[in-house]
Amino acid sequence: YFVKVAWAWTLWLLLPFMAVTTYQFAKSKFRYGPTKSVLLVLRRLSALLVGTAVWYLCTGLFLYVENLTGTCSGPAGGGELGRPPTTKQECHQSSGVWDGFDISGHCFLLSYCALLIVEEVAVLEGLATQQNSKLRAVIDGLFVSLCLLTVIWVFMFLCTALYFHDFSQKILGALIGLAAWYGTYRFWYLKPFSPGLPLPNVPPSSKKYSYSR
């Protein structure tokens, strides 16, 4: 049940972390005023909207593939439906078992969430705050929470790899998660009209930038 709402947990911690660090980054590095800093925060937070759209579309695609490739086995007939079940939901309603190609949504979501967190916390590399400030304590608390959450996601990914789904379903789910991360942070977010990367002051060609990635 925890992993089924993995995106909600990730969103709940990344939202304040990205908002606070981006605002502080804009003020300390770019010397932006309040208005321009808030606009930069909104731009960066739109990456979470993109992630939500990726999660929604991919899970919908997985369900569509499973319905397209599956058949219902179990109790004969369609029950109240009056016809043989043609979807997983109808099959379960008639107490049947749906057998289709179930791409691992867990492998997709866990890999995508872990990579997303690693990308966003890299902003701390270039962020300067006073060590004893309350803001620093808040940022550090969110950072530690995100690191612990990433450990949980990796552990649950291992559990899914060991005990659930066929090998091909797990591989495909993980590859889609990697493709979603690569398509955003390695391609689209490098473009001008995008949420942008979390380290806008460090050129992608620098050794330090590559190491942090």
C-alpha atoms as a PDB file:
ATOM      1  CA  TYR A   1       0.000   0.000   0.000  1.00  0.00           C
ATOM      2  CA  PHE A   2       2.916   2.353   0.632  1.00  0.00           C
ATOM      3  CA  VAL A   3       4.330   1.900  -2.837  1.00  0.00           C
ATOM      4  CA  LYS A   4       0.940   2.278  -4.519  1.00  0.00           C
ATOM      5  CA  VAL A   5       0.976   5.939  -3.465  1.00  0.00           C
ATOM      6  CA  ALA A   6       4.705   6.357  -4.070  1.00  0.00           C
ATOM      7  CA  TRP A   7       4.178   9.415  -6.238  1.00  0.00           C
ATOM      8  CA  ALA A   8       2.191  11.128  -3.466  1.00  0.00           C
ATOM      9  CA  TRP A   9       5.004  10.560  -0.936  1.00  0.00           C
ATOM     10  CA  THR A  10       7.597  11.816  -3.422  1.00  0.00           C
ATOM     11  CA  LEU A  11       5.488  14.859  -4.280  1.00  0.00           C
ATOM     12  CA  TRP A  12       4.824  15.655  -0.619  1.00  0.00           C
ATOM     13  CA  LEU A  13       8.557  15.974   0.142  1.00  0.00           C
ATOM     14  CA  LEU A  14       9.871  17.325  -3.161  1.00  0.00           C
ATOM     15  CA  LEU A  15       7.363  20.182  -3.365  1.00  0.00           C
ATOM     16  CA  PRO A  16       8.588  22.122  -0.289  1.00  0.00           C
ATOM     17  CA  PHE A  17      12.216  21.170  -0.924  1.00  0.00           C
ATOM     18  CA  MET A  18      12.189  22.482  -4.493  1.00  0.00           C
ATOM     19  CA  ALA A  19      10.249  25.615  -3.513  1.00  0.00           C
ATOM     20  CA  VAL A  20      12.569  26.591  -0.649  1.00  0.00           C
ATOM     21  CA  THR A  21      15.867  25.745  -2.341  1.00  0.00           C
ATOM     22  CA  THR A  22      14.934  27.377  -5.647  1.00  0.00           C
ATOM     23  CA  TYR A  23      13.810  30.577  -3.934  1.00  0.00           C
ATOM     24  CA  GLN A  24      16.984  30.692  -1.860  1.00  0.00           C
ATOM     25  CA  PHE A  25      19.050  29.896  -4.946  1.00  0.00           C
ATOM     26  CA  ALA A  26      17.457  32.758  -6.884  1.00  0.00           C
ATOM     27  CA  LYS A  27      18.127  35.255  -4.089  1.00  0.00           C
ATOM     28  CA  SER A  28      21.677  34.216  -3.192  1.00  0.00           C
ATOM     29  CA  LYS A  29      23.116  33.351  -6.614  1.00  0.00           C
ATOM     30  CA  PHE A  30      21.131  35.348  -9.158  1.00  0.00           C
ATOM     31  CA  ARG A  31      20.309  38.279  -6.848  1.00  0.00           C
ATOM     32  CA  TYR A  32      16.715  38.160  -8.046  1.00  0.00           C
ATOM     33  CA  GLY A  33      13.986  40.165  -6.351  1.00  0.00           C
ATOM     34  CA  PRO A  34      10.952  38.523  -4.704  1.00  0.00           C
ATOM     35  CA  THR A  35       8.795  38.578  -7.847  1.00  0.00           C
ATOM     36  CA  LYS A  36      11.393  37.085 -10.172  1.00  0.00           C
ATOM     37  CA  SER A  37      12.383  34.542  -7.523  1.00  0.00           C
ATOM     38  CA  VAL A  38       8.777  33.379  -7.181  1.00  0.00           C
ATOM     39  CA  LEU A  39       8.503  33.034 -10.962  1.00  0.00           C
ATOM     40  CA  LEU A  40      11.619  30.876 -10.986  1.00  0.00           C
ATOM     41  CA  VAL A  41      10.123  28.739  -8.197  1.00  0.00           C
ATOM     42  CA  LEU A  42       6.921  28.260 -10.196  1.00  0.00           C
ATOM     43  CA  ARG A  43       8.927  27.307 -13.265  1.00  0.00           C
ATOM     44  CA  ARG A  44      10.887  24.674 -11.355  1.00  0.00           C
ATOM     45  CA  LEU A  45       7.777  23.341  -9.622  1.00  0.00           C
ATOM     46  CA  SER A  46       6.226  22.742 -13.043  1.00  0.00           C
ATOM     47  CA  ALA A  47       8.624  19.779 -13.230  1.00  0.00           C
ATOM     48  CA  LEU A  48       6.372  18.106 -10.672  1.00  0.00           C
ATOM     49  CA  LEU A  49       3.392  18.689 -12.958  1.00  0.00           C
ATOM     50  CA  VAL A  50       5.360  17.038 -15.751  1.00  0.00           C
ATOM     51  CA  GLY A  51       6.165  14.126 -13.435  1.00  0.00           C
ATOM     52  CA  THR A  52       2.508  13.799 -12.477  1.00  0.00           C
ATOM     53  CA  ALA A  53       1.527  13.721 -16.145  1.00  0.00           C
ATOM     54  CA  VAL A  54       4.197  11.075 -16.854  1.00  0.00           C
ATOM     55  CA  TRP A  55       2.940   8.961 -13.952  1.00  0.00           C
ATOM     56  CA  TYR A  56      -0.711   9.267 -15.023  1.00  0.00           C
ATOM     57  CA  LEU A  57      -0.105   8.543 -18.715  1.00  0.00           C
ATOM     58  CA  CYS A  58       2.226   5.599 -18.104  1.00  0.00           C
ATOM     59  CA  THR A  59      -0.041   3.898 -15.566  1.00  0.00           C
ATOM     60  CA  GLY A  60      -2.952   4.366 -17.974  1.00  0.00           C
ATOM     61  CA  LEU A  61      -0.851   2.841 -20.758  1.00  0.00           C
ATOM     62  CA  PHE A  62       0.055  -0.150 -18.581  1.00  0.00           C
ATOM     63  CA  LEU A  63      -3.615  -0.791 -17.799  1.00  0.00           C
ATOM     64  CA  TYR A  64      -4.530  -0.481 -21.484  1.00  0.00           C
ATOM     65  CA  VAL A  65      -1.858  -3.019 -22.486  1.00  0.00           C
ATOM     66  CA  GLU A  66      -2.984  -5.425 -19.783  1.00  0.00           C
ATOM     67  CA  ASN A  67      -6.613  -5.177 -20.919  1.00  0.00           C
ATOM     68  CA  LEU A  68      -5.604  -5.536 -24.570  1.00  0.00           C
ATOM     69  CA  THR A  69      -3.510  -8.665 -24.030  1.00  0.00           C
ATOM     70  CA  GLY A  70      -5.483 -10.416 -21.282  1.00  0.00           C
ATOM     71  CA  THR A  71      -8.227 -12.973 -20.919  1.00  0.00           C
ATOM     72  CA  CYS A  72     -10.469 -13.794 -17.987  1.00  0.00           C
ATOM     73  CA  SER A  73     -10.417 -17.206 -16.375  1.00  0.00           C
ATOM     74  CA  GLY A  74     -12.449 -18.492 -13.468  1.00  0.00           C
ATOM     75  CA  PRO A  75     -16.220 -18.637 -13.004  1.00  0.00           C
ATOM     76  CA  ALA A  76     -18.044 -19.174 -16.292  1.00  0.00           C
ATOM     77  CA  GLY A  77     -20.294 -16.542 -17.725  1.00  0.00           C
ATOM     78  CA  GLY A  78     -20.418 -12.840 -17.211  1.00  0.00           C
ATOM     79  CA  GLY A  79     -22.588 -12.725 -14.106  1.00  0.00           C
ATOM     80  CA  GLU A  80     -24.552  -9.509 -14.003  1.00  0.00           C
ATOM     81  CA  LEU A  81     -22.642  -8.276 -17.014  1.00  0.00           C
ATOM     82  CA  GLY A  82     -24.447 -10.728 -19.287  1.00  0.00           C
ATOM     83  CA  ARG A  83     -21.350 -11.344 -21.414  1.00  0.00           C
ATOM     84  CA  PRO A  84     -17.788 -12.607 -20.985  1.00  0.00           C
ATOM     85  CA  PRO A  85     -15.582 -10.004 -19.264  1.00  0.00           C
ATOM     86  CA  THR A  86     -13.403  -8.001 -21.643  1.00  0.00           C
ATOM     87  CA  THR A  87     -11.466  -5.905 -19.102  1.00  0.00           C
ATOM     88  CA  LYS A  88      -9.618  -6.593 -15.882  1.00  0.00           C
ATOM     89  CA  GLN A  89     -12.199  -4.670 -13.863  1.00  0.00           C
ATOM     90  CA  GLU A  90     -15.107  -6.628 -15.329  1.00  0.00           C
ATOM     91  CA  CYS A  91     -13.234  -9.883 -14.734  1.00  0.00           C
ATOM     92  CA  HIS A  92     -12.711  -9.080 -11.063  1.00  0.00           C
ATOM     93  CA  GLN A  93     -16.367  -8.083 -10.723  1.00  0.00           C
ATOM     94  CA  SER A  94     -17.348 -11.558 -11.928  1.00  0.00           C
ATOM     95  CA  SER A  95     -14.874 -13.178  -9.460  1.00  0.00           C
ATOM     96  CA  GLY A  96     -12.522 -14.183 -12.262  1.00  0.00           C
ATOM     97  CA  VAL A  97      -8.756 -13.936 -12.679  1.00  0.00           C
ATOM     98  CA  TRP A  98      -7.383 -11.675 -15.424  1.00  0.00           C
ATOM     99  CA  ASP A  99      -4.286 -12.971 -17.210  1.00  0.00           C
ATOM    100  CA  GLY A 100      -2.591 -10.276 -19.303  1.00  0.00           C
ATOM    101  CA  PHE A 101       0.793  -8.679 -19.892  1.00  0.00           C
ATOM    102  CA  ASP A 102       1.064  -6.621 -16.707  1.00  0.00           C
ATOM    103  CA  ILE A 103       3.955  -4.159 -17.120  1.00  0.00           C
ATOM    104  CA  SER A 104       5.389  -3.537 -13.664  1.00  0.00           C
ATOM    105  CA  GLY A 105       4.054  -0.190 -12.552  1.00  0.00           C
ATOM    106  CA  HIS A 106       6.080  -0.527  -9.362  1.00  0.00           C
ATOM    107  CA  CYS A 107       9.380  -0.896 -11.224  1.00  0.00           C
ATOM    108  CA  PHE A 108       8.460   2.085 -13.385  1.00  0.00           C
ATOM    109  CA  LEU A 109       7.358   4.347 -10.543  1.00  0.00           C
ATOM    110  CA  LEU A 110      10.077   3.428  -8.053  1.00  0.00           C
ATOM    111  CA  SER A 111      12.898   3.904 -10.546  1.00  0.00           C
ATOM    112  CA  TYR A 112      11.409   7.166 -11.810  1.00  0.00           C
ATOM    113  CA  CYS A 113      10.847   8.574  -8.309  1.00  0.00           C
ATOM    114  CA  ALA A 114      14.351   7.657  -7.142  1.00  0.00           C
ATOM    115  CA  LEU A 115      15.985   9.284 -10.166  1.00  0.00           C
ATOM    116  CA  LEU A 116      13.787  12.357  -9.817  1.00  0.00           C
ATOM    117  CA  ILE A 117      14.815  12.822  -6.178  1.00  0.00           C
ATOM    118  CA  VAL A 118      18.516  12.381  -6.981  1.00  0.00           C
ATOM    119  CA  GLU A 119      18.277  15.033  -9.709  1.00  0.00           C
ATOM    120  CA  GLU A 120      16.512  17.579  -7.521  1.00  0.00           C
ATOM    121  CA  VAL A 121      18.630  17.254  -4.367  1.00  0.00           C
ATOM    122  CA  ALA A 122      21.737  18.005  -6.466  1.00  0.00           C
ATOM    123  CA  VAL A 123      20.820  21.701  -6.119  1.00  0.00           C
ATOM    124  CA  LEU A 124      22.390  21.654  -2.647  1.00  0.00           C
ATOM    125  CA  GLU A 125      25.796  21.531  -4.304  1.00  0.00           C
ATOM    126  CA  GLY A 126      25.534  25.166  -5.305  1.00  0.00           C
ATOM    127  CA  LEU A 127      23.302  26.488  -2.528  1.00  0.00           C
ATOM    128  CA  ALA A 128      24.770  28.715   0.171  1.00  0.00           C
ATOM    129  CA  THR A 129      22.881  29.329   3.433  1.00  0.00           C
ATOM    130  CA  GLN A 130      23.946  30.214   6.930  1.00  0.00           C
ATOM    131  CA  GLN A 131      24.813  27.040   8.800  1.00  0.00           C
ATOM    132  CA  ASN A 132      22.867  27.955  11.953  1.00  0.00           C
ATOM    133  CA  SER A 133      19.814  29.445  10.287  1.00  0.00           C
ATOM    134  CA  LYS A 134      16.321  28.003  10.644  1.00  0.00           C
ATOM    135  CA  LEU A 135      16.109  27.835   6.858  1.00  0.00           C
ATOM    136  CA  ARG A 136      19.156  25.591   6.756  1.00  0.00           C
ATOM    137  CA  ALA A 137      17.557  23.298   9.349  1.00  0.00           C
ATOM    138  CA  VAL A 138      14.401  23.031   7.234  1.00  0.00           C
ATOM    139  CA  ILE A 139      16.392  22.285   4.073  1.00  0.00           C
ATOM    140  CA  ASP A 140      18.540  19.708   5.855  1.00  0.00           C
ATOM    141  CA  GLY A 141      15.448  18.031   7.313  1.00  0.00           C
ATOM    142  CA  LEU A 142      13.824  17.770   3.884  1.00  0.00           C
ATOM    143  CA  PHE A 143      17.071  16.542   2.368  1.00  0.00           C
ATOM    144  CA  VAL A 144      17.456  13.755   4.950  1.00  0.00           C
ATOM    145  CA  SER A 145      13.792  12.784   4.496  1.00  0.00           C
ATOM    146  CA  LEU A 146      14.239  12.574   0.723  1.00  0.00           C
ATOM    147  CA  CYS A 147      17.365  10.440   1.148  1.00  0.00           C
ATOM    148  CA  LEU A 148      15.505   8.049   3.465  1.00  0.00           C
ATOM    149  CA  LEU A 149      12.613   7.922   1.015  1.00  0.00           C
ATOM    150  CA  THR A 150      15.024   7.047  -1.788  1.00  0.00           C
ATOM    151  CA  VAL A 151      16.415   4.188   0.303  1.00  0.00           C
ATOM    152  CA  ILE A 152      12.850   2.917   0.786  1.00  0.00           C
ATOM    153  CA  TRP A 153      12.153   3.132  -2.950  1.00  0.00           C
ATOM    154  CA  VAL A 154      15.331   1.186  -3.779  1.00  0.00           C
ATOM    155  CA  PHE A 155      14.461  -1.462  -1.171  1.00  0.00           C
ATOM    156  CA  MET A 156      10.921  -1.809  -2.537  1.00  0.00           C
ATOM    157  CA  PHE A 157      12.305  -1.992  -6.063  1.00  0.00           C
ATOM    158  CA  LEU A 158      14.426  -4.939  -4.922  1.00  0.00           C
ATOM    159  CA  CYS A 159      11.379  -6.609  -3.337  1.00  0.00           C
ATOM    160  CA  THR A 160       9.400  -6.147  -6.545  1.00  0.00           C
ATOM    161  CA  ALA A 161      12.277  -7.555  -8.593  1.00  0.00           C
ATOM    162  CA  LEU A 162      12.425 -10.662  -6.388  1.00  0.00           C
ATOM    163  CA  TYR A 163       8.784 -11.498  -5.782  1.00  0.00           C
ATOM    164  CA  PHE A 164       6.451  -9.896  -8.339  1.00  0.00           C
ATOM    165  CA  HIS A 165       5.827  -9.936 -12.093  1.00  0.00           C
ATOM    166  CA  ASP A 166       7.597 -11.766 -14.892  1.00  0.00           C
ATOM    167  CA  PHE A 167      11.135 -10.812 -15.832  1.00  0.00           C
ATOM    168  CA  SER A 168      10.088  -9.097 -19.069  1.00  0.00           C
ATOM    169  CA  GLN A 169       7.384  -7.099 -17.257  1.00  0.00           C
ATOM    170  CA  LYS A 170       9.874  -5.852 -14.666  1.00  0.00           C
ATOM    171  CA  ILE A 171      12.517  -4.974 -17.246  1.00  0.00           C
ATOM    172  CA  LEU A 172      10.027  -3.076 -19.394  1.00  0.00           C
ATOM    173  CA  GLY A 173       8.652  -1.165 -16.410  1.00  0.00           C
ATOM    174  CA  ALA A 174      12.146  -0.133 -15.286  1.00  0.00           C
ATOM    175  CA  LEU A 175      13.150   0.852 -18.848  1.00  0.00           C
ATOM    176  CA  ILE A 176      10.080   3.075 -19.168  1.00  0.00           C
ATOM    177  CA  GLY A 177      10.992   4.727 -15.863  1.00  0.00           C
ATOM    178  CA  LEU A 178      14.535   5.330 -17.122  1.00  0.00           C
ATOM    179  CA  ALA A 179      13.209   6.652 -20.431  1.00  0.00           C
ATOM    180  CA  ALA A 180      10.879   9.080 -18.625  1.00  0.00           C
ATOM    181  CA  TRP A 181      13.786  10.410 -16.556  1.00  0.00           C
ATOM    182  CA  TYR A 182      16.147  10.640 -19.546  1.00  0.00           C
ATOM    183  CA  GLY A 183      13.565  12.296 -21.784  1.00  0.00           C
ATOM    184  CA  THR A 184      12.955  15.043 -19.241  1.00  0.00           C
ATOM    185  CA  TYR A 185      16.223  15.738 -17.372  1.00  0.00           C
ATOM    186  CA  ARG A 186      18.610  14.797 -20.168  1.00  0.00           C
ATOM    187  CA  PHE A 187      16.682  16.196 -23.125  1.00  0.00           C
ATOM    188  CA  TRP A 188      13.624  18.408 -22.599  1.00  0.00           C
ATOM    189  CA  TYR A 189      14.814  20.264 -19.481  1.00  0.00           C
ATOM    190  CA  LEU A 190      17.905  21.402 -21.385  1.00  0.00           C
ATOM    191  CA  LYS A 191      15.641  23.416 -23.707  1.00  0.00           C
ATOM    192  CA  PRO A 192      14.676  27.061 -23.058  1.00  0.00           C
ATOM    193  CA  PHE A 193      10.923  26.440 -22.800  1.00  0.00           C
ATOM    194  CA  SER A 194      10.941  23.840 -20.048  1.00  0.00           C
ATOM    195  CA  PRO A 195      10.995  23.615 -16.232  1.00  0.00           C
ATOM    196  CA  GLY A 196      14.784  23.669 -16.464  1.00  0.00           C
ATOM    197  CA  LEU A 197      17.435  21.833 -14.481  1.00  0.00           C
ATOM    198  CA  PRO A 198      17.939  22.270 -10.726  1.00  0.00           C
ATOM    199  CA  LEU A 199      21.505  23.564 -11.224  1.00  0.00           C
ATOM    200  CA  PRO A 200      21.140  26.420 -13.728  1.00  0.00           C
ATOM    201  CA  ASN A 201      24.383  28.128 -12.686  1.00  0.00           C
ATOM    202  CA  VAL A 202      26.648  25.164 -13.483  1.00  0.00           C
ATOM    203  CA  PRO A 203      27.386  24.450 -17.169  1.00  0.00           C
ATOM    204  CA  PRO A 204      26.578  20.851 -18.240  1.00  0.00           C
ATOM    205  CA  SER A 205      30.107  20.467 -19.627  1.00  0.00           C
ATOM    206  CA  SER A 206      31.803  21.010 -16.272  1.00  0.00           C
ATOM    207  CA  LYS A 207      33.396  18.085 -14.478  1.00  0.00           C
ATOM    208  CA  LYS A 208      31.653  18.982 -11.224  1.00  0.00           C
ATOM    209  CA  TYR A 209      28.279  18.990 -12.905  1.00  0.00           C
ATOM    210  CA  SER A 210      28.892  15.594 -14.502  1.00  0.00           C
ATOM    211  CA  TYR A 211      30.037  14.126 -11.190  1.00  0.00           C
ATOM    212  CA  SER A 212      26.937  15.368  -9.383  1.00  0.00           C
ATOM    213  CA  ARG A 213      24.821  13.669 -12.017  1.00  0.00           C
END
